[in-house]
Amino acid sequence: MKQCLTGDAQAITHDKLAAELSMTAGAVKTAAHRLRRRYRELLKEEISQTVTTEEEIEDEINQLLSALSG
């Protein structure tokens, strides 16, 4: 499931990941969606401790993602 957070989701199909995890492809899609949503919630919570507005939070997230993507 790490690929779902790191942007490497294209490197492995839902079907292949499902087989590795003994899940259905639909269950993998659902789990990946929930994982990304929860990760975003935690990231926003952490960033909100250093900035105050929603706009600043989004700016920080965008800057972080930009830095991580190279």
Protein backbone atom coordinates (compact mmCIF):
# COMPACT_ATOMS: atom_id res chain seq x y z
CA MET A 1 0.00 0.00 0.00
CA LYS A 2 3.02 2.29 0.33
CA GLN A 3 2.87 2.91 -3.42
CA CYS A 4 -0.52 4.54 -2.91
CA LEU A 5 1.09 7.29 -0.80
CA THR A 6 4.40 7.71 -2.57
CA GLY A 7 3.07 8.31 -6.05
CA ASP A 8 4.35 4.95 -7.28
CA ALA A 9 0.79 3.72 -7.73
CA GLN A 10 1.39 3.40 -11.47
CA ALA A 11 4.22 0.94 -10.78
CA ILE A 12 1.76 -1.68 -9.55
CA THR A 13 -1.82 -2.36 -10.58
CA HIS A 14 -4.67 -2.72 -8.14
CA ASP A 15 -5.06 -6.31 -9.35
CA LYS A 16 -1.45 -7.18 -8.63
CA LEU A 17 -1.53 -5.50 -5.24
CA ALA A 18 -4.81 -7.25 -4.45
CA ALA A 19 -3.23 -10.63 -5.20
CA GLU A 20 -0.25 -9.84 -2.97
CA LEU A 21 -2.54 -8.78 -0.12
CA SER A 22 -5.18 -11.49 -0.63
CA MET A 23 -7.80 -8.82 -1.26
CA THR A 24 -10.07 -7.96 -4.15
CA ALA A 25 -9.09 -5.11 -6.47
CA GLY A 26 -12.13 -3.18 -5.22
CA ALA A 27 -11.03 -3.63 -1.63
CA VAL A 28 -7.54 -2.38 -2.53
CA LYS A 29 -9.01 0.72 -4.21
CA THR A 30 -11.14 1.41 -1.14
CA ALA A 31 -8.22 0.86 1.24
CA ALA A 32 -5.96 3.10 -0.85
CA HIS A 33 -8.57 5.86 -0.86
CA ARG A 34 -9.02 5.63 2.91
CA LEU A 35 -5.26 5.55 3.44
CA ARG A 36 -4.72 8.68 1.36
CA ARG A 37 -7.62 10.47 3.07
CA ARG A 38 -6.37 9.60 6.57
CA TYR A 39 -2.80 10.56 5.67
CA ARG A 40 -4.02 13.93 4.39
CA GLU A 41 -6.00 14.48 7.61
CA LEU A 42 -2.94 13.73 9.74
CA LEU A 43 -0.72 15.90 7.57
CA LYS A 44 -3.15 18.83 7.79
CA GLU A 45 -3.40 18.38 11.55
CA GLU A 46 0.38 18.47 11.92
CA ILE A 47 0.80 21.48 9.63
CA SER A 48 -2.01 23.37 11.39
CA GLN A 49 0.19 23.48 14.47
CA THR A 50 2.55 25.86 12.66
CA VAL A 51 0.21 27.96 10.48
CA THR A 52 -3.25 29.35 11.11
CA THR A 53 -5.39 29.59 7.98
CA GLU A 54 -6.67 26.90 5.65
CA GLU A 55 -4.95 28.69 2.77
CA GLU A 56 -1.60 28.51 4.58
CA ILE A 57 -2.14 24.83 5.30
CA GLU A 58 -2.83 24.12 1.62
CA ASP A 59 0.21 26.19 0.60
CA GLU A 60 2.42 24.21 2.99
CA ILE A 61 1.09 20.90 1.67
CA ASN A 62 1.66 21.98 -1.93
CA GLN A 63 5.21 23.11 -1.13
CA LEU A 64 5.92 19.83 0.66
CA LEU A 65 4.61 17.75 -2.24
CA SER A 66 6.59 19.84 -4.69
CA ALA A 67 9.78 19.34 -2.67
CA LEU A 68 9.19 15.59 -2.39
CA SER A 69 8.50 15.16 -6.09
CA GLY A 70 11.87 16.55 -7.04
